Amino acid sequence: MAGDELTVVPVRHWGRWVGGALILVLLALLGKALSEAEIDYAAVPGFFFHDIMLRALWNTVLLAVAAQAGAIVLGVLIALLRRSANPVARWFAAGYVWLFRGLPVLLQILLWFNLALVFEHISLPLLFEEKTNVLVTAFVAALLGLGLNESAYMAEIVRAGLGSVDHGQVEAAKAIGMTPATALRRVVLPQAMRVVIPPTGNNFVNMLKGTSMASVIGFLELVHAANNIASRNLQIMETLLAAAAWYMVVVSVAGVGQHFLERFYGKGVAR
């Protein structure tokens, strides 16, 4: 009827309130459970700054950075080979990615660490010869296992980044006299970095955590350090919590670095 007025019923989003309340209840229950757990929280800061834990922290960061840096260099080379006009180079690059991406990282670390069982010496004619177990230390085995595995993923990330750059820009670079190498360095790579940086940052975070697998070959990283300390005082959960806290610190720092790199290479791009 003409005299009737429309009544507007406000939507109160009751689902949001129920969901929020449920989350708060779960957090409260978790906090209550942790407060009642038989954990000596006062001892955790002491293990956090324990000298063995600090040495393990340095080893963890060093291994992760070295493995990621090597993986980036190898990944770029393999990605360029995948785009090569040479069919042998393309097949080699494809086989490389297939092999190192297909094997579990832990298995690769163990294979490198036990290389001396099948090759007693490593030598280059007229240059040097050394026992394998002297050259392939726990650090080197972990570096090879983590770095080669990551390089296969980096090759695919870089290949996707290079493919995201419009081919017309490469043609324009050639038209003004740039060599292919110069065009790659000054035109293609700067634009590809916008695509490459986010997954590379995520992979580096995984690399930081993946260093824990080196504990199986006796390399002193955070998990191995926590086990060493706990074997003396039997405070297992306390030392593991200290190691977990350090992982959160280094991962958070890596996340901040990734944020600034993404912002730098994303300049001029509409969000």
Protein backbone atom coordinates (compact mmCIF):
# COMPACT_ATOMS: atom_id res chain seq x y z
CA MET A 1 0.00 0.00 0.00
CA ALA A 2 1.04 3.61 -0.61
CA GLY A 3 0.99 4.47 3.07
CA ASP A 4 3.13 1.56 4.14
CA GLU A 5 6.75 2.24 5.06
CA LEU A 6 9.61 -0.12 4.38
CA THR A 7 11.21 -1.50 7.50
CA VAL A 8 14.98 -1.98 7.21
CA VAL A 9 16.27 -4.81 9.35
CA PRO A 10 19.95 -4.23 10.11
CA VAL A 11 22.26 -7.13 9.39
CA ARG A 12 24.20 -7.76 12.57
CA HIS A 13 26.78 -10.18 11.11
CA TRP A 14 26.19 -12.69 13.87
CA GLY A 15 28.52 -15.16 12.14
CA ARG A 16 31.47 -12.83 12.68
CA TRP A 17 30.69 -12.47 16.36
CA VAL A 18 30.35 -16.22 16.82
CA GLY A 19 33.56 -16.87 14.91
CA GLY A 20 35.48 -14.24 16.87
CA ALA A 21 34.15 -15.56 20.19
CA LEU A 22 35.10 -19.11 19.23
CA ILE A 23 38.65 -18.04 18.40
CA LEU A 24 38.98 -16.20 21.72
CA VAL A 25 37.70 -19.24 23.62
CA LEU A 26 40.19 -21.51 21.86
CA LEU A 27 43.06 -19.10 22.58
CA ALA A 28 42.02 -18.92 26.22
CA LEU A 29 41.95 -22.72 26.48
CA LEU A 30 45.37 -22.93 24.82
CA GLY A 31 46.78 -20.32 27.20
CA LYS A 32 45.32 -22.16 30.20
CA ALA A 33 46.80 -25.46 29.00
CA LEU A 34 50.24 -23.93 28.51
CA SER A 35 50.12 -22.25 31.93
CA GLU A 36 49.36 -25.58 33.58
CA ALA A 37 51.95 -27.54 31.57
CA GLU A 38 55.00 -28.87 33.40
CA ILE A 39 57.38 -26.46 31.67
CA ASP A 40 59.94 -24.32 33.48
CA TYR A 41 59.39 -21.13 31.49
CA ALA A 42 61.89 -19.25 33.65
CA ALA A 43 64.67 -21.48 32.32
CA VAL A 44 63.93 -20.78 28.65
CA PRO A 45 65.75 -17.39 28.46
CA GLY A 46 68.90 -19.03 29.82
CA PHE A 47 68.83 -21.62 27.05
CA PHE A 48 67.96 -18.90 24.53
CA PHE A 49 71.33 -17.21 25.18
CA HIS A 50 73.29 -20.38 25.89
CA ASP A 51 76.70 -20.34 24.18
CA ILE A 52 75.97 -23.58 22.30
CA MET A 53 72.63 -22.18 21.13
CA LEU A 54 74.29 -18.97 19.90
CA ARG A 55 76.91 -20.91 17.96
CA ALA A 56 74.16 -23.04 16.47
CA LEU A 57 72.25 -19.89 15.52
CA TRP A 58 75.27 -18.60 13.61
CA ASN A 59 75.72 -21.97 11.88
CA THR A 60 72.02 -22.07 10.96
CA VAL A 61 72.04 -18.60 9.39
CA LEU A 62 75.38 -19.21 7.65
CA LEU A 63 74.21 -22.51 6.16
CA ALA A 64 70.87 -21.07 5.03
CA VAL A 65 72.39 -17.96 3.44
CA ALA A 66 75.19 -19.91 1.70
CA ALA A 67 72.80 -22.57 0.39
CA GLN A 68 70.28 -19.99 -0.83
CA ALA A 69 72.95 -17.84 -2.50
CA GLY A 70 74.38 -20.86 -4.32
CA ALA A 71 70.88 -21.97 -5.27
CA ILE A 72 70.07 -18.56 -6.77
CA VAL A 73 73.23 -18.58 -8.91
CA LEU A 74 72.66 -22.15 -10.09
CA GLY A 75 68.94 -21.52 -10.55
CA VAL A 76 69.57 -18.57 -12.86
CA LEU A 77 72.03 -20.60 -14.93
CA ILE A 78 69.68 -23.57 -15.21
CA ALA A 79 66.75 -21.29 -16.10
CA LEU A 80 68.80 -19.72 -18.90
CA LEU A 81 69.74 -23.19 -20.15
CA ARG A 82 66.04 -24.12 -20.17
CA ARG A 83 65.46 -21.17 -22.53
CA SER A 84 68.50 -21.93 -24.69
CA ALA A 85 68.24 -22.69 -28.40
CA ASN A 86 70.63 -25.60 -27.82
CA PRO A 87 68.53 -28.78 -27.37
CA VAL A 88 71.31 -30.51 -25.38
CA ALA A 89 71.39 -27.61 -22.93
CA ARG A 90 67.59 -27.68 -22.61
CA TRP A 91 67.51 -31.41 -21.96
CA PHE A 92 70.34 -31.13 -19.41
CA ALA A 93 68.53 -28.35 -17.54
CA ALA A 94 65.25 -30.27 -17.57
CA GLY A 95 67.01 -33.40 -16.24
CA TYR A 96 68.73 -31.36 -13.53
CA VAL A 97 65.42 -29.97 -12.29
CA TRP A 98 63.78 -33.40 -12.49
CA LEU A 99 66.55 -35.05 -10.45
CA PHE A 100 67.15 -32.58 -7.65
CA ARG A 101 63.50 -31.61 -7.26
CA GLY A 102 62.44 -35.25 -7.16
CA LEU A 103 64.72 -36.48 -4.35
CA PRO A 104 63.91 -35.66 -0.70
CA VAL A 105 66.28 -33.11 0.82
CA LEU A 106 67.16 -35.37 3.74
CA LEU A 107 68.08 -38.17 1.36
CA GLN A 108 70.32 -35.81 -0.63
CA ILE A 109 72.09 -34.68 2.54
CA LEU A 110 72.71 -38.29 3.57
CA LEU A 111 73.98 -39.21 0.09
CA TRP A 112 76.52 -36.40 0.13
CA PHE A 113 77.57 -37.12 3.71
CA ASN A 114 78.26 -40.77 2.87
CA LEU A 115 79.99 -40.06 -0.43
CA ALA A 116 83.28 -41.38 0.99
CA LEU A 117 81.77 -44.88 1.01
CA VAL A 118 81.87 -44.97 -2.80
CA PHE A 119 84.62 -42.45 -3.61
CA GLU A 120 87.58 -42.61 -1.28
CA HIS A 121 89.34 -39.66 -2.91
CA ILE A 122 88.26 -36.57 -4.83
CA SER A 123 90.82 -35.30 -7.30
CA LEU A 124 91.30 -32.97 -10.23
CA PRO A 125 94.19 -33.95 -12.52
CA LEU A 126 97.32 -31.86 -11.88
CA LEU A 127 95.46 -29.68 -9.35
CA PHE A 128 94.71 -31.52 -6.11
CA GLU A 129 93.72 -34.80 -4.54
CA GLU A 130 92.13 -35.20 -1.12
CA LYS A 131 90.21 -37.77 0.86
CA THR A 132 86.47 -37.41 0.39
CA ASN A 133 85.71 -37.49 4.11
CA VAL A 134 88.07 -34.53 4.57
CA LEU A 135 86.46 -32.42 1.85
CA VAL A 136 82.83 -33.39 2.41
CA THR A 137 82.31 -32.33 6.02
CA ALA A 138 78.92 -32.14 7.70
CA PHE A 139 78.62 -28.50 6.66
CA VAL A 140 79.55 -29.23 3.04
CA ALA A 141 77.14 -32.17 2.85
CA ALA A 142 74.30 -30.06 4.23
CA LEU A 143 75.23 -27.19 1.91
CA LEU A 144 75.17 -29.43 -1.15
CA GLY A 145 71.97 -31.20 -0.16
CA LEU A 146 70.04 -28.02 0.62
CA GLY A 147 71.58 -25.86 -2.11
CA LEU A 148 71.20 -28.27 -5.03
CA ASN A 149 67.63 -29.10 -4.08
CA GLU A 150 66.74 -25.42 -3.79
CA SER A 151 68.50 -24.58 -7.07
CA ALA A 152 66.03 -26.81 -8.93
CA TYR A 153 63.11 -24.83 -7.50
CA MET A 154 64.89 -21.53 -8.13
CA ALA A 155 65.38 -22.51 -11.78
CA GLU A 156 61.63 -22.85 -12.21
CA ILE A 157 60.96 -19.61 -10.30
CA VAL A 158 63.45 -17.68 -12.43
CA ARG A 159 62.11 -19.28 -15.63
CA ALA A 160 58.61 -18.12 -14.71
CA GLY A 161 59.91 -14.64 -13.93
CA LEU A 162 61.73 -14.36 -17.25
CA GLY A 163 58.65 -15.58 -19.06
CA SER A 164 56.54 -12.87 -17.43
CA VAL A 165 58.44 -10.09 -19.25
CA ASP A 166 56.82 -9.09 -22.52
CA HIS A 167 58.90 -10.25 -25.48
CA GLY A 168 58.35 -6.91 -27.17
CA GLN A 169 60.60 -5.23 -24.63
CA VAL A 170 63.43 -7.61 -25.51
CA GLU A 171 62.93 -6.79 -29.19
CA ALA A 172 62.99 -3.08 -28.37
CA ALA A 173 66.24 -3.50 -26.44
CA LYS A 174 67.81 -5.26 -29.40
CA ALA A 175 66.54 -2.53 -31.73
CA ILE A 176 68.50 0.14 -29.85
CA GLY A 177 71.70 -1.91 -30.04
CA MET A 178 71.72 -3.86 -26.79
CA THR A 179 73.40 -7.23 -26.81
CA PRO A 180 71.35 -10.19 -25.48
CA ALA A 181 73.39 -10.18 -22.26
CA THR A 182 72.87 -6.44 -21.77
CA ALA A 183 69.15 -6.73 -22.48
CA LEU A 184 68.90 -9.54 -19.97
CA ARG A 185 70.73 -7.56 -17.30
CA ARG A 186 69.14 -4.14 -17.84
CA VAL A 187 65.67 -4.91 -19.17
CA VAL A 188 64.53 -8.45 -18.43
CA LEU A 189 65.92 -9.26 -14.99
CA PRO A 190 64.81 -6.00 -13.27
CA GLN A 191 61.23 -6.65 -14.38
CA ALA A 192 61.39 -10.37 -13.66
CA MET A 193 62.51 -9.68 -10.08
CA ARG A 194 59.00 -8.49 -9.24
CA VAL A 195 57.78 -12.03 -9.95
CA VAL A 196 60.86 -13.83 -8.58
CA ILE A 197 61.23 -12.14 -5.17
CA PRO A 198 58.03 -13.35 -3.39
CA PRO A 199 58.53 -17.10 -3.97
CA THR A 200 62.27 -16.75 -3.38
CA GLY A 201 61.59 -15.13 -0.02
CA ASN A 202 59.22 -17.93 0.89
CA ASN A 203 61.81 -20.51 -0.16
CA PHE A 204 64.45 -18.81 1.97
CA VAL A 205 62.17 -19.08 4.99
CA ASN A 206 61.81 -22.79 4.22
CA MET A 207 65.59 -22.98 3.86
CA LEU A 208 66.08 -21.51 7.34
CA LYS A 209 63.80 -24.16 8.78
CA GLY A 210 65.17 -26.88 6.52
CA THR A 211 68.63 -26.53 8.06
CA SER A 212 67.22 -28.55 10.96
CA MET A 213 67.60 -31.66 8.76
CA ALA A 214 71.37 -31.25 9.02
CA SER A 215 71.10 -32.39 12.64
CA VAL A 216 70.93 -36.01 11.44
CA ILE A 217 74.57 -35.81 10.27
CA GLY A 218 75.81 -34.09 13.43
CA PHE A 219 75.93 -30.52 12.16
CA LEU A 220 75.50 -28.05 15.01
CA GLU A 221 72.35 -26.09 14.18
CA LEU A 222 69.49 -25.02 16.44
CA VAL A 223 67.73 -28.38 16.79
CA HIS A 224 71.01 -30.23 17.32
CA ALA A 225 72.06 -27.64 19.90
CA ALA A 226 68.76 -28.03 21.75
CA ASN A 227 69.24 -31.80 21.86
CA ASN A 228 72.81 -31.39 23.10
CA ILE A 229 71.76 -29.09 25.92
CA ALA A 230 68.77 -31.25 26.84
CA SER A 231 70.95 -34.36 27.04
CA ARG A 232 72.77 -32.74 29.96
CA ASN A 233 69.90 -31.31 31.99
CA LEU A 234 66.90 -33.31 30.65
CA GLN A 235 64.90 -30.09 30.18
CA ILE A 236 63.81 -31.11 26.70
CA MET A 237 60.77 -28.89 26.21
CA GLU A 238 62.55 -25.83 27.60
CA THR A 239 65.49 -26.14 25.21
CA LEU A 240 63.20 -26.87 22.26
CA LEU A 241 61.17 -23.75 23.09
CA ALA A 242 64.40 -21.72 23.08
CA ALA A 243 65.28 -23.12 19.64
CA ALA A 244 61.73 -22.41 18.43
CA ALA A 245 62.04 -18.81 19.62
CA TRP A 246 65.26 -18.34 17.63
CA TYR A 247 63.60 -19.77 14.51
CA MET A 248 60.78 -17.26 14.89
CA VAL A 249 63.30 -14.43 15.25
CA VAL A 250 65.31 -15.27 12.12
CA VAL A 251 62.18 -16.02 10.08
CA SER A 252 60.68 -12.68 11.11
CA VAL A 253 63.87 -10.83 10.11
CA ALA A 254 63.83 -12.63 6.75
CA GLY A 255 60.18 -11.63 6.30
CA VAL A 256 61.05 -7.97 6.89
CA GLY A 257 63.84 -8.18 4.31
CA GLN A 258 61.48 -9.78 1.80
CA HIS A 259 58.94 -7.00 2.36
CA PHE A 260 61.45 -4.26 1.53
CA LEU A 261 62.76 -6.13 -1.52
CA GLU A 262 59.24 -6.57 -2.85
CA ARG A 263 58.51 -2.88 -2.29
CA PHE A 264 61.75 -1.85 -4.02
CA TYR A 265 61.19 -3.96 -7.15
CA GLY A 266 57.49 -3.14 -7.18
CA LYS A 267 58.03 0.59 -7.69
CA GLY A 268 55.87 2.03 -10.41
CA VAL A 269 53.57 -0.98 -10.54
CA ALA A 270 49.92 -0.41 -9.74
CA ARG A 271 48.68 -2.50 -6.82
